Amino acid sequence: MLDQAHGLRALASQNRDERKAATSPSLTEKSSETFAQAVVTPPAQVRRARVIAVTSGKGGVGKTNFSSNLSLALAETGNRVIVVDADLGLANLHVVLGIYPQYNLEHVTHGDRSLREVLCPGPNGIRIVAGASGLAELADLDAIRREALIESLGELDALADVVLIDTGAGLARNVLAFLCAAGEVLVVTTPEPTALTDAYAIIKTVYHENPQSRLMLAVNMAQNEAEARSAQERVVSIARRFLGTEVVSLGSIPHDPVVGQAVRNGKPFLLSYPSSPAARAVRKIAHQLTYSAPAPAEVEGVGGLLNRMQRFFNRHLGGR
């Protein structure tokens, strides 16, 4: 345990040193500045990634399949996309994408690899940070390992335009840590009454923890447009009435037999059936997300996510 903690601290320190070295002026540059003091260079604008956490109130609603194909559709719109599989209990996002990474988040928590080293290239130019089935909850990691893991996620700001976090389903503490810290939360549900009830429970919890979070909804596996619209309106109206907040409805994905076929083939339906109703619906949602993005000044990036995650654990674990 001490060796792993030491390794994590070393990786985090190395990452900080590399970032400092990349931004520190050389002696030659300093000399040039001496002879050109009259030239004032405005500070470069800090680029921050947009962080979207994708979740669901219950399992079986197609959340991970949706996340996988959404990441590909977002990449098609010109975004640099990194997907983090944060479903620490049942990590299978890479299976849906048809790739099998050599390293995953467990190697980061053990201090064996940095986050950059576990990034794995995927279709459409996306990159993924694979999860590990059975990995201990973030809440159960000791403080040193948890903080080092959280800090390592900070590298993603410079590497992506959009960081998509596929969380677990439900209200487990490690799921809430990501949801309550993310700037945007996309809740996936089906039209079933139990799924809608659980979706609202997620929305309510996230809102109370982080009222500034942008809450969004997508209805999956709808039999028809009327069913999807009814489900959307039900959740949106209840949130407006009882929470006083607006949930953005992104639309729906129809029940489409090609989705199951694509999973069996080990290839995302967006690529294997690009003209299918499901693929067209996901592309529509990706375009809506891209062209309704918050203003750059409002994007807190991965750094904002990490700060809120630390506060979440300090509040709920007392700094343990």
C-alpha atoms as a PDB file:
ATOM      1  CA  MET A   1       0.000   0.000   0.000  1.00  0.00           C
ATOM      2  CA  LEU A   2       2.833   2.415   0.891  1.00  0.00           C
ATOM      3  CA  ASP A   3       4.620   1.556  -2.374  1.00  0.00           C
ATOM      4  CA  GLN A   4       1.453   2.230  -4.345  1.00  0.00           C
ATOM      5  CA  ALA A   5       0.866   5.535  -2.569  1.00  0.00           C
ATOM      6  CA  HIS A   6       4.493   6.517  -3.167  1.00  0.00           C
ATOM      7  CA  GLY A   7       4.111   5.643  -6.842  1.00  0.00           C
ATOM      8  CA  LEU A   8       0.975   7.738  -7.161  1.00  0.00           C
ATOM      9  CA  ARG A   9       2.640  10.722  -5.499  1.00  0.00           C
ATOM     10  CA  ALA A  10       5.616  10.359  -7.815  1.00  0.00           C
ATOM     11  CA  LEU A  11       3.373  10.245 -10.893  1.00  0.00           C
ATOM     12  CA  ALA A  12       1.436  13.281  -9.745  1.00  0.00           C
ATOM     13  CA  SER A  13       4.668  15.157  -8.992  1.00  0.00           C
ATOM     14  CA  GLN A  14       6.085  14.185 -12.391  1.00  0.00           C
ATOM     15  CA  ASN A  15       2.947  15.444 -14.130  1.00  0.00           C
ATOM     16  CA  ARG A  16       3.186  18.783 -12.292  1.00  0.00           C
ATOM     17  CA  ASP A  17       6.875  19.106 -13.150  1.00  0.00           C
ATOM     18  CA  GLU A  18       6.202  18.372 -16.829  1.00  0.00           C
ATOM     19  CA  ARG A  19       3.481  20.993 -16.948  1.00  0.00           C
ATOM     20  CA  LYS A  20       5.780  23.537 -15.295  1.00  0.00           C
ATOM     21  CA  ALA A  21       8.629  22.710 -17.665  1.00  0.00           C
ATOM     22  CA  ALA A  22       6.335  23.087 -20.644  1.00  0.00           C
ATOM     23  CA  THR A  23       5.317  26.576 -19.553  1.00  0.00           C
ATOM     24  CA  SER A  24       8.616  27.875 -18.069  1.00  0.00           C
ATOM     25  CA  PRO A  25      10.694  30.187 -20.301  1.00  0.00           C
ATOM     26  CA  SER A  26      14.231  29.154 -21.227  1.00  0.00           C
ATOM     27  CA  LEU A  27      17.285  31.381 -20.598  1.00  0.00           C
ATOM     28  CA  THR A  28      17.242  32.365 -24.257  1.00  0.00           C
ATOM     29  CA  GLU A  29      13.603  33.329 -24.028  1.00  0.00           C
ATOM     30  CA  LYS A  30      14.294  35.390 -20.902  1.00  0.00           C
ATOM     31  CA  SER A  31      17.115  37.207 -22.705  1.00  0.00           C
ATOM     32  CA  SER A  32      14.831  37.936 -25.629  1.00  0.00           C
ATOM     33  CA  GLU A  33      12.264  39.361 -23.257  1.00  0.00           C
ATOM     34  CA  THR A  34      14.911  41.706 -21.838  1.00  0.00           C
ATOM     35  CA  PHE A  35      15.519  43.194 -25.291  1.00  0.00           C
ATOM     36  CA  ALA A  36      11.844  43.382 -26.147  1.00  0.00           C
ATOM     37  CA  GLN A  37      10.255  44.726 -22.998  1.00  0.00           C
ATOM     38  CA  ALA A  38       8.173  47.151 -25.012  1.00  0.00           C
ATOM     39  CA  VAL A  39       6.320  44.280 -26.633  1.00  0.00           C
ATOM     40  CA  VAL A  40       3.426  43.254 -24.435  1.00  0.00           C
ATOM     41  CA  THR A  41       2.039  39.790 -25.154  1.00  0.00           C
ATOM     42  CA  PRO A  42      -1.478  39.177 -23.862  1.00  0.00           C
ATOM     43  CA  PRO A  43      -1.811  36.047 -21.714  1.00  0.00           C
ATOM     44  CA  ALA A  44      -2.963  32.961 -23.589  1.00  0.00           C
ATOM     45  CA  GLN A  45      -6.554  31.972 -22.891  1.00  0.00           C
ATOM     46  CA  VAL A  46      -6.733  28.858 -20.759  1.00  0.00           C
ATOM     47  CA  ARG A  47      -8.512  26.107 -22.650  1.00  0.00           C
ATOM     48  CA  ARG A  48     -10.841  23.979 -20.580  1.00  0.00           C
ATOM     49  CA  ALA A  49     -12.577  20.786 -21.582  1.00  0.00           C
ATOM     50  CA  ARG A  50     -16.317  20.502 -21.373  1.00  0.00           C
ATOM     51  CA  VAL A  51     -17.169  17.790 -18.823  1.00  0.00           C
ATOM     52  CA  ILE A  52     -20.399  15.845 -19.317  1.00  0.00           C
ATOM     53  CA  ALA A  53     -21.299  13.041 -16.908  1.00  0.00           C
ATOM     54  CA  VAL A  54     -23.697  10.450 -18.353  1.00  0.00           C
ATOM     55  CA  THR A  55     -25.746   8.482 -15.863  1.00  0.00           C
ATOM     56  CA  SER A  56     -29.022   6.660 -15.253  1.00  0.00           C
ATOM     57  CA  GLY A  57     -31.230   6.016 -12.279  1.00  0.00           C
ATOM     58  CA  LYS A  58     -31.206   2.255 -12.859  1.00  0.00           C
ATOM     59  CA  GLY A  59     -29.393  -0.333 -14.913  1.00  0.00           C
ATOM     60  CA  GLY A  60     -30.689  -1.776 -18.154  1.00  0.00           C
ATOM     61  CA  VAL A  61     -31.604   1.496 -19.877  1.00  0.00           C
ATOM     62  CA  GLY A  62     -28.740   1.378 -22.394  1.00  0.00           C
ATOM     63  CA  LYS A  63     -26.617   4.088 -20.771  1.00  0.00           C
ATOM     64  CA  THR A  64     -23.184   2.741 -21.698  1.00  0.00           C
ATOM     65  CA  ASN A  65     -24.247   1.906 -25.243  1.00  0.00           C
ATOM     66  CA  PHE A  66     -25.605   5.435 -25.552  1.00  0.00           C
ATOM     67  CA  SER A  67     -22.409   6.964 -24.096  1.00  0.00           C
ATOM     68  CA  SER A  68     -20.208   4.993 -26.472  1.00  0.00           C
ATOM     69  CA  ASN A  69     -22.104   5.999 -29.590  1.00  0.00           C
ATOM     70  CA  LEU A  70     -22.565   9.582 -28.395  1.00  0.00           C
ATOM     71  CA  SER A  71     -18.792   9.934 -28.033  1.00  0.00           C
ATOM     72  CA  LEU A  72     -18.362   8.859 -31.669  1.00  0.00           C
ATOM     73  CA  ALA A  73     -21.052  11.284 -32.841  1.00  0.00           C
ATOM     74  CA  LEU A  74     -19.453  14.143 -30.891  1.00  0.00           C
ATOM     75  CA  ALA A  75     -16.133  13.346 -32.565  1.00  0.00           C
ATOM     76  CA  GLU A  76     -17.851  13.554 -35.959  1.00  0.00           C
ATOM     77  CA  THR A  77     -18.759  17.174 -35.196  1.00  0.00           C
ATOM     78  CA  GLY A  78     -15.071  18.030 -34.817  1.00  0.00           C
ATOM     79  CA  ASN A  79     -14.634  17.617 -31.060  1.00  0.00           C
ATOM     80  CA  ARG A  80     -11.595  16.007 -29.474  1.00  0.00           C
ATOM     81  CA  VAL A  81     -13.330  13.479 -27.235  1.00  0.00           C
ATOM     82  CA  ILE A  82     -12.074  11.484 -24.272  1.00  0.00           C
ATOM     83  CA  VAL A  83     -14.422   8.984 -22.620  1.00  0.00           C
ATOM     84  CA  VAL A  84     -13.778   7.949 -19.024  1.00  0.00           C
ATOM     85  CA  ASP A  85     -15.374   4.683 -17.941  1.00  0.00           C
ATOM     86  CA  ALA A  86     -16.209   5.564 -14.348  1.00  0.00           C
ATOM     87  CA  ASP A  87     -18.577   2.645 -13.836  1.00  0.00           C
ATOM     88  CA  LEU A  88     -16.295   1.179 -11.191  1.00  0.00           C
ATOM     89  CA  GLY A  89     -18.476  -1.845 -10.588  1.00  0.00           C
ATOM     90  CA  LEU A  90     -19.184  -3.020 -14.130  1.00  0.00           C
ATOM     91  CA  ALA A  91     -16.759  -1.464 -16.592  1.00  0.00           C
ATOM     92  CA  ASN A  92     -17.648  -2.510 -20.144  1.00  0.00           C
ATOM     93  CA  LEU A  93     -17.588   0.645 -22.250  1.00  0.00           C
ATOM     94  CA  HIS A  94     -14.549  -0.627 -24.146  1.00  0.00           C
ATOM     95  CA  VAL A  95     -16.450  -3.798 -25.059  1.00  0.00           C
ATOM     96  CA  VAL A  96     -19.242  -1.783 -26.679  1.00  0.00           C
ATOM     97  CA  LEU A  97     -16.620   0.159 -28.630  1.00  0.00           C
ATOM     98  CA  GLY A  98     -14.942  -3.075 -29.714  1.00  0.00           C
ATOM     99  CA  ILE A  99     -11.521  -2.263 -28.237  1.00  0.00           C
ATOM    100  CA  TYR A 100      -9.529  -3.941 -25.483  1.00  0.00           C
ATOM    101  CA  PRO A 101      -7.053  -1.571 -23.785  1.00  0.00           C
ATOM    102  CA  GLN A 102      -3.870  -2.826 -22.191  1.00  0.00           C
ATOM    103  CA  TYR A 103      -4.241  -0.541 -19.178  1.00  0.00           C
ATOM    104  CA  ASN A 104      -7.162   0.849 -17.194  1.00  0.00           C
ATOM    105  CA  LEU A 105      -8.031   3.012 -14.194  1.00  0.00           C
ATOM    106  CA  GLU A 106      -6.844   0.337 -11.803  1.00  0.00           C
ATOM    107  CA  HIS A 107      -3.281   0.842 -13.064  1.00  0.00           C
ATOM    108  CA  VAL A 108      -3.633   4.531 -12.211  1.00  0.00           C
ATOM    109  CA  THR A 109      -4.958   3.937  -8.690  1.00  0.00           C
ATOM    110  CA  HIS A 110      -2.113   1.495  -8.045  1.00  0.00           C
ATOM    111  CA  GLY A 111       0.450   4.017  -9.256  1.00  0.00           C
ATOM    112  CA  ASP A 112       1.650   1.751 -12.066  1.00  0.00           C
ATOM    113  CA  ARG A 113       0.727   4.101 -14.937  1.00  0.00           C
ATOM    114  CA  SER A 114      -0.098   7.769 -15.422  1.00  0.00           C
ATOM    115  CA  LEU A 115      -3.435   8.749 -16.893  1.00  0.00           C
ATOM    116  CA  ARG A 116      -1.790   9.645 -20.205  1.00  0.00           C
ATOM    117  CA  GLU A 117      -0.343   6.142 -20.378  1.00  0.00           C
ATOM    118  CA  VAL A 118      -3.720   4.442 -19.993  1.00  0.00           C
ATOM    119  CA  LEU A 119      -5.407   6.518 -22.722  1.00  0.00           C
ATOM    120  CA  CYS A 120      -6.396   4.147 -25.510  1.00  0.00           C
ATOM    121  CA  PRO A 121      -7.257   5.232 -29.070  1.00  0.00           C
ATOM    122  CA  GLY A 122     -10.701   4.310 -30.333  1.00  0.00           C
ATOM    123  CA  PRO A 123     -12.891   4.741 -33.423  1.00  0.00           C
ATOM    124  CA  ASN A 124     -13.415   8.205 -34.944  1.00  0.00           C
ATOM    125  CA  GLY A 125     -10.312   9.480 -33.167  1.00  0.00           C
ATOM    126  CA  ILE A 126     -11.788   9.288 -29.666  1.00  0.00           C
ATOM    127  CA  ARG A 127      -9.669   8.145 -26.738  1.00  0.00           C
ATOM    128  CA  ILE A 128     -10.877   6.224 -23.723  1.00  0.00           C
ATOM    129  CA  VAL A 129      -9.798   5.691 -20.150  1.00  0.00           C
ATOM    130  CA  ALA A 130     -11.007   2.161 -19.499  1.00  0.00           C
ATOM    131  CA  GLY A 131     -12.502   1.225 -16.171  1.00  0.00           C
ATOM    132  CA  ALA A 132     -11.860  -1.960 -14.240  1.00  0.00           C
ATOM    133  CA  SER A 133     -14.653  -4.273 -13.145  1.00  0.00           C
ATOM    134  CA  GLY A 134     -14.606  -4.731  -9.405  1.00  0.00           C
ATOM    135  CA  LEU A 135     -12.341  -1.734  -8.788  1.00  0.00           C
ATOM    136  CA  ALA A 136     -12.920  -0.397  -5.277  1.00  0.00           C
ATOM    137  CA  GLU A 137     -15.118   2.646  -4.962  1.00  0.00           C
ATOM    138  CA  LEU A 138     -13.342   5.977  -4.955  1.00  0.00           C
ATOM    139  CA  ALA A 139     -14.802   6.505  -1.513  1.00  0.00           C
ATOM    140  CA  ASP A 140     -13.050   3.373  -0.263  1.00  0.00           C
ATOM    141  CA  LEU A 141      -9.612   4.381  -1.494  1.00  0.00           C
ATOM    142  CA  ASP A 142      -7.339   5.876   1.134  1.00  0.00           C
ATOM    143  CA  ALA A 143      -7.039   9.666   0.972  1.00  0.00           C
ATOM    144  CA  ILE A 144      -3.591   9.674  -0.674  1.00  0.00           C
ATOM    145  CA  ARG A 145      -4.568   7.320  -3.502  1.00  0.00           C
ATOM    146  CA  ARG A 146      -7.907   9.023  -4.050  1.00  0.00           C
ATOM    147  CA  GLU A 147      -6.371  12.510  -4.219  1.00  0.00           C
ATOM    148  CA  ALA A 148      -3.617  11.330  -6.566  1.00  0.00           C
ATOM    149  CA  LEU A 149      -6.184   9.720  -8.863  1.00  0.00           C
ATOM    150  CA  ILE A 150      -8.346  12.833  -8.863  1.00  0.00           C
ATOM    151  CA  GLU A 151      -5.341  15.054  -9.552  1.00  0.00           C
ATOM    152  CA  SER A 152      -4.241  12.860 -12.450  1.00  0.00           C
ATOM    153  CA  LEU A 153      -7.606  13.482 -14.133  1.00  0.00           C
ATOM    154  CA  GLY A 154      -6.578  17.124 -14.418  1.00  0.00           C
ATOM    155  CA  GLU A 155      -4.390  16.225 -17.392  1.00  0.00           C
ATOM    156  CA  LEU A 156      -7.487  15.767 -19.536  1.00  0.00           C
ATOM    157  CA  ASP A 157      -8.187  19.510 -19.817  1.00  0.00           C
ATOM    158  CA  ALA A 158      -5.319  19.966 -22.258  1.00  0.00           C
ATOM    159  CA  LEU A 159      -6.117  16.837 -24.259  1.00  0.00           C
ATOM    160  CA  ALA A 160      -9.821  17.153 -25.079  1.00  0.00           C
ATOM    161  CA  ASP A 161     -12.630  19.495 -26.028  1.00  0.00           C
ATOM    162  CA  VAL A 162     -15.189  17.174 -24.434  1.00  0.00           C
ATOM    163  CA  VAL A 163     -14.646  14.730 -21.573  1.00  0.00           C
ATOM    164  CA  LEU A 164     -17.534  12.277 -21.396  1.00  0.00           C
ATOM    165  CA  ILE A 165     -17.758  10.408 -18.089  1.00  0.00           C
ATOM    166  CA  ASP A 166     -19.798   7.207 -18.180  1.00  0.00           C
ATOM    167  CA  THR A 167     -20.759   6.680 -14.541  1.00  0.00           C
ATOM    168  CA  GLY A 168     -22.438   3.762 -12.872  1.00  0.00           C
ATOM    169  CA  ALA A 169     -26.209   3.661 -12.436  1.00  0.00           C
ATOM    170  CA  GLY A 170     -28.010   4.668  -9.269  1.00  0.00           C
ATOM    171  CA  LEU A 171     -27.029   6.717  -6.239  1.00  0.00           C
ATOM    172  CA  ALA A 172     -23.867   4.996  -5.015  1.00  0.00           C
ATOM    173  CA  ARG A 173     -21.373   7.373  -3.425  1.00  0.00           C
ATOM    174  CA  ASN A 174     -18.723   7.039  -6.128  1.00  0.00           C
ATOM    175  CA  VAL A 175     -21.376   7.770  -8.779  1.00  0.00           C
ATOM    176  CA  LEU A 176     -22.572  10.863  -6.936  1.00  0.00           C
ATOM    177  CA  ALA A 177     -18.999  12.114  -6.609  1.00  0.00           C
ATOM    178  CA  PHE A 178     -18.796  12.479 -10.397  1.00  0.00           C
ATOM    179  CA  LEU A 179     -22.376  13.650 -10.894  1.00  0.00           C
ATOM    180  CA  CYS A 180     -22.345  16.325  -8.217  1.00  0.00           C
ATOM    181  CA  ALA A 181     -19.010  17.637  -9.463  1.00  0.00           C
ATOM    182  CA  ALA A 182     -19.668  17.713 -13.210  1.00  0.00           C
ATOM    183  CA  GLY A 183     -20.691  20.938 -14.910  1.00  0.00           C
ATOM    184  CA  GLU A 184     -23.228  19.046 -17.017  1.00  0.00           C
ATOM    185  CA  VAL A 185     -25.138  15.862 -16.215  1.00  0.00           C
ATOM    186  CA  LEU A 186     -26.983  13.868 -18.882  1.00  0.00           C
ATOM    187  CA  VAL A 187     -29.518  11.426 -17.447  1.00  0.00           C
ATOM    188  CA  VAL A 188     -30.512   8.506 -19.669  1.00  0.00           C
ATOM    189  CA  THR A 189     -33.859   6.840 -19.060  1.00  0.00           C
ATOM    190  CA  THR A 190     -36.458   4.708 -20.788  1.00  0.00           C
ATOM    191  CA  PRO A 191     -40.193   5.529 -20.861  1.00  0.00           C
ATOM    192  CA  GLU A 192     -40.912   2.912 -18.176  1.00  0.00           C
ATOM    193  CA  PRO A 193     -42.428   4.459 -15.014  1.00  0.00           C
ATOM    194  CA  THR A 194     -39.791   2.953 -12.706  1.00  0.00           C
ATOM    195  CA  ALA A 195     -36.976   4.278 -14.895  1.00  0.00           C
ATOM    196  CA  LEU A 196     -38.537   7.754 -14.949  1.00  0.00           C
ATOM    197  CA  THR A 197     -38.913   7.734 -11.163  1.00  0.00           C
ATOM    198  CA  ASP A 198     -35.267   6.766 -10.732  1.00  0.00           C
ATOM    199  CA  ALA A 199     -34.193   9.383 -13.285  1.00  0.00           C
ATOM    200  CA  TYR A 200     -35.954  12.085 -11.295  1.00  0.00           C
ATOM    201  CA  ALA A 201     -34.302  10.836  -8.089  1.00  0.00           C
ATOM    202  CA  ILE A 202     -30.894  11.350  -9.737  1.00  0.00           C
ATOM    203  CA  ILE A 203     -31.864  14.821 -10.955  1.00  0.00           C
ATOM    204  CA  LYS A 204     -33.148  15.811  -7.507  1.00  0.00           C
ATOM    205  CA  THR A 205     -29.999  14.622  -5.726  1.00  0.00           C
ATOM    206  CA  VAL A 206     -27.619  16.312  -8.149  1.00  0.00           C
ATOM    207  CA  TYR A 207     -29.595  19.558  -8.039  1.00  0.00           C
ATOM    208  CA  HIS A 208     -29.468  19.731  -4.245  1.00  0.00           C
ATOM    209  CA  GLU A 209     -25.712  19.032  -4.235  1.00  0.00           C
ATOM    210  CA  ASN A 210     -24.826  21.329  -7.148  1.00  0.00           C
ATOM    211  CA  PRO A 211     -27.629  23.723  -8.195  1.00  0.00           C
ATOM    212  CA  GLN A 212     -25.375  25.239 -10.892  1.00  0.00           C
ATOM    213  CA  SER A 213     -25.083  21.970 -12.797  1.00  0.00           C
ATOM    214  CA  ARG A 214     -26.744  21.857 -16.216  1.00  0.00           C
ATOM    215  CA  LEU A 215     -29.197  18.940 -16.101  1.00  0.00           C
ATOM    216  CA  MET A 216     -30.154  17.167 -19.325  1.00  0.00           C
ATOM    217  CA  LEU A 217     -32.373  14.220 -20.243  1.00  0.00           C
ATOM    218  CA  ALA A 218     -32.389  11.678 -23.074  1.00  0.00           C
ATOM    219  CA  VAL A 219     -35.082   9.012 -23.449  1.00  0.00           C
ATOM    220  CA  ASN A 220     -33.803   5.713 -24.821  1.00  0.00           C
ATOM    221  CA  MET A 221     -35.627   2.767 -26.380  1.00  0.00           C
ATOM    222  CA  ALA A 222     -38.841   4.677 -27.064  1.00  0.00           C
ATOM    223  CA  GLN A 223     -41.443   2.781 -29.082  1.00  0.00           C
ATOM    224  CA  ASN A 224     -42.562   5.959 -30.818  1.00  0.00           C
ATOM    225  CA  GLU A 225     -42.172   9.720 -30.669  1.00  0.00           C
ATOM    226  CA  ALA A 226     -45.344  10.244 -28.661  1.00  0.00           C
ATOM    227  CA  GLU A 227     -44.132   7.894 -25.927  1.00  0.00           C
ATOM    228  CA  ALA A 228     -40.748   9.634 -25.828  1.00  0.00           C
ATOM    229  CA  ARG A 229     -42.297  13.105 -25.679  1.00  0.00           C
ATOM    230  CA  SER A 230     -44.635  12.067 -22.855  1.00  0.00           C
ATOM    231  CA  ALA A 231     -41.705  10.700 -20.828  1.00  0.00           C
ATOM    232  CA  GLN A 232     -39.643  13.844 -21.381  1.00  0.00           C
ATOM    233  CA  GLU A 233     -42.485  16.164 -20.427  1.00  0.00           C
ATOM    234  CA  ARG A 234     -43.207  14.204 -17.265  1.00  0.00           C
ATOM    235  CA  VAL A 235     -39.651  14.507 -15.901  1.00  0.00           C
ATOM    236  CA  VAL A 236     -39.171  18.104 -17.041  1.00  0.00           C
ATOM    237  CA  SER A 237     -42.475  19.279 -15.539  1.00  0.00           C
ATOM    238  CA  ILE A 238     -41.895  17.530 -12.193  1.00  0.00           C
ATOM    239  CA  ALA A 239     -38.399  19.033 -11.899  1.00  0.00           C
ATOM    240  CA  ARG A 240     -39.761  22.470 -12.731  1.00  0.00           C
ATOM    241  CA  ARG A 241     -42.591  22.168 -10.211  1.00  0.00           C
ATOM    242  CA  PHE A 242     -40.805  20.637  -7.228  1.00  0.00           C
ATOM    243  CA  LEU A 243     -37.202  21.786  -7.732  1.00  0.00           C
ATOM    244  CA  GLY A 244     -37.720  25.041  -9.554  1.00  0.00           C
ATOM    245  CA  THR A 245     -35.103  24.082 -12.121  1.00  0.00           C
ATOM    246  CA  GLU A 246     -35.131  23.439 -15.846  1.00  0.00           C
ATOM    247  CA  VAL A 247     -34.058  20.071 -17.230  1.00  0.00           C
ATOM    248  CA  VAL A 248     -32.970  20.316 -20.859  1.00  0.00           C
ATOM    249  CA  SER A 249     -34.627  17.667 -23.016  1.00  0.00           C
ATOM    250  CA  LEU A 250     -32.158  16.491 -25.661  1.00  0.00           C
ATOM    251  CA  GLY A 251     -34.561  14.183 -27.447  1.00  0.00           C
ATOM    252  CA  SER A 252     -34.915  10.434 -27.734  1.00  0.00           C
ATOM    253  CA  ILE A 253     -33.461   7.308 -29.305  1.00  0.00           C
ATOM    254  CA  PRO A 254     -36.033   4.908 -30.761  1.00  0.00           C
ATOM    255  CA  HIS A 255     -36.155   1.216 -30.010  1.00  0.00           C
ATOM    256  CA  ASP A 256     -34.072  -0.181 -32.863  1.00  0.00           C
ATOM    257  CA  PRO A 257     -33.147  -3.872 -33.392  1.00  0.00           C
ATOM    258  CA  VAL A 258     -29.791  -2.913 -34.917  1.00  0.00           C
ATOM    259  CA  VAL A 259     -28.598  -1.767 -31.476  1.00  0.00           C
ATOM    260  CA  GLY A 260     -28.600  -5.293 -30.068  1.00  0.00           C
ATOM    261  CA  GLN A 261     -27.129  -6.671 -33.273  1.00  0.00           C
ATOM    262  CA  ALA A 262     -24.267  -4.172 -33.098  1.00  0.00           C
ATOM    263  CA  VAL A 263     -23.474  -5.204 -29.525  1.00  0.00           C
ATOM    264  CA  ARG A 264     -23.348  -8.848 -30.574  1.00  0.00           C
ATOM    265  CA  ASN A 265     -21.026  -7.910 -33.443  1.00  0.00           C
ATOM    266  CA  GLY A 266     -18.735  -5.972 -31.121  1.00  0.00           C
ATOM    267  CA  LYS A 267     -19.027  -2.750 -33.120  1.00  0.00           C
ATOM    268  CA  PRO A 268     -20.929   0.469 -32.237  1.00  0.00           C
ATOM    269  CA  PHE A 269     -24.182   0.883 -34.156  1.00  0.00           C
ATOM    270  CA  LEU A 270     -23.162   4.393 -35.204  1.00  0.00           C
ATOM    271  CA  LEU A 271     -20.431   2.778 -37.321  1.00  0.00           C
ATOM    272  CA  SER A 272     -21.988  -0.545 -38.278  1.00  0.00           C
ATOM    273  CA  TYR A 273     -25.455   0.867 -39.033  1.00  0.00           C
ATOM    274  CA  PRO A 274     -24.792   4.576 -39.706  1.00  0.00           C
ATOM    275  CA  SER A 275     -28.158   5.189 -41.388  1.00  0.00           C
ATOM    276  CA  SER A 276     -30.272   3.423 -38.767  1.00  0.00           C
ATOM    277  CA  PRO A 277     -32.908   5.355 -36.791  1.00  0.00           C
ATOM    278  CA  ALA A 278     -30.859   4.926 -33.596  1.00  0.00           C
ATOM    279  CA  ALA A 279     -27.694   6.299 -35.227  1.00  0.00           C
ATOM    280  CA  ARG A 280     -29.546   9.276 -36.679  1.00  0.00           C
ATOM    281  CA  ALA A 281     -31.080  10.046 -33.280  1.00  0.00           C
ATOM    282  CA  VAL A 282     -27.726   9.943 -31.492  1.00  0.00           C
ATOM    283  CA  ARG A 283     -26.184  12.238 -34.111  1.00  0.00           C
ATOM    284  CA  LYS A 284     -29.040  14.677 -33.590  1.00  0.00           C
ATOM    285  CA  ILE A 285     -28.357  14.717 -29.845  1.00  0.00           C
ATOM    286  CA  ALA A 286     -24.621  15.193 -30.467  1.00  0.00           C
ATOM    287  CA  HIS A 287     -25.307  18.190 -32.705  1.00  0.00           C
ATOM    288  CA  GLN A 288     -27.644  19.659 -30.111  1.00  0.00           C
ATOM    289  CA  LEU A 289     -24.971  19.253 -27.427  1.00  0.00           C
ATOM    290  CA  THR A 290     -22.277  20.754 -29.645  1.00  0.00           C
ATOM    291  CA  TYR A 291     -24.204  23.803 -30.784  1.00  0.00           C
ATOM    292  CA  SER A 292     -25.786  24.554 -27.411  1.00  0.00           C
ATOM    293  CA  ALA A 293     -22.489  24.407 -25.545  1.00  0.00           C
ATOM    294  CA  PRO A 294     -21.932  26.850 -22.664  1.00  0.00           C
ATOM    295  CA  ALA A 295     -19.822  29.930 -23.352  1.00  0.00           C
ATOM    296  CA  PRO A 296     -16.071  29.255 -22.865  1.00  0.00           C
ATOM    297  CA  ALA A 297     -16.019  31.533 -19.810  1.00  0.00           C
ATOM    298  CA  GLU A 298     -18.688  29.335 -18.187  1.00  0.00           C
ATOM    299  CA  VAL A 299     -16.778  26.092 -18.729  1.00  0.00           C
ATOM    300  CA  GLU A 300     -14.848  25.196 -15.585  1.00  0.00           C
ATOM    301  CA  GLY A 301     -13.231  22.176 -17.188  1.00  0.00           C
ATOM    302  CA  VAL A 302     -11.770  19.164 -15.457  1.00  0.00           C
ATOM    303  CA  GLY A 303     -10.215  21.429 -12.834  1.00  0.00           C
ATOM    304  CA  GLY A 304     -13.662  22.510 -11.662  1.00  0.00           C
ATOM    305  CA  LEU A 305     -14.759  18.874 -11.577  1.00  0.00           C
ATOM    306  CA  LEU A 306     -11.788  17.909  -9.413  1.00  0.00           C
ATOM    307  CA  ASN A 307     -12.265  20.738  -6.935  1.00  0.00           C
ATOM    308  CA  ARG A 308     -15.898  19.806  -6.413  1.00  0.00           C
ATOM    309  CA  MET A 309     -15.035  16.106  -6.107  1.00  0.00           C
ATOM    310  CA  GLN A 310     -12.587  16.895  -3.332  1.00  0.00           C
ATOM    311  CA  ARG A 311     -15.195  19.001  -1.546  1.00  0.00           C
ATOM    312  CA  PHE A 312     -17.748  16.194  -1.991  1.00  0.00           C
ATOM    313  CA  PHE A 313     -15.471  13.636  -0.335  1.00  0.00           C
ATOM    314  CA  ASN A 314     -14.414  16.051   2.404  1.00  0.00           C
ATOM    315  CA  ARG A 315     -18.066  16.769   3.153  1.00  0.00           C
ATOM    316  CA  HIS A 316     -19.263  13.163   3.087  1.00  0.00           C
ATOM    317  CA  LEU A 317     -16.173  11.403   4.415  1.00  0.00           C
ATOM    318  CA  GLY A 318     -14.760  14.053   6.706  1.00  0.00           C
ATOM    319  CA  GLY A 319     -11.475  14.117   4.742  1.00  0.00           C
ATOM    320  CA  ARG A 320     -10.898  10.376   5.209  1.00  0.00           C
END
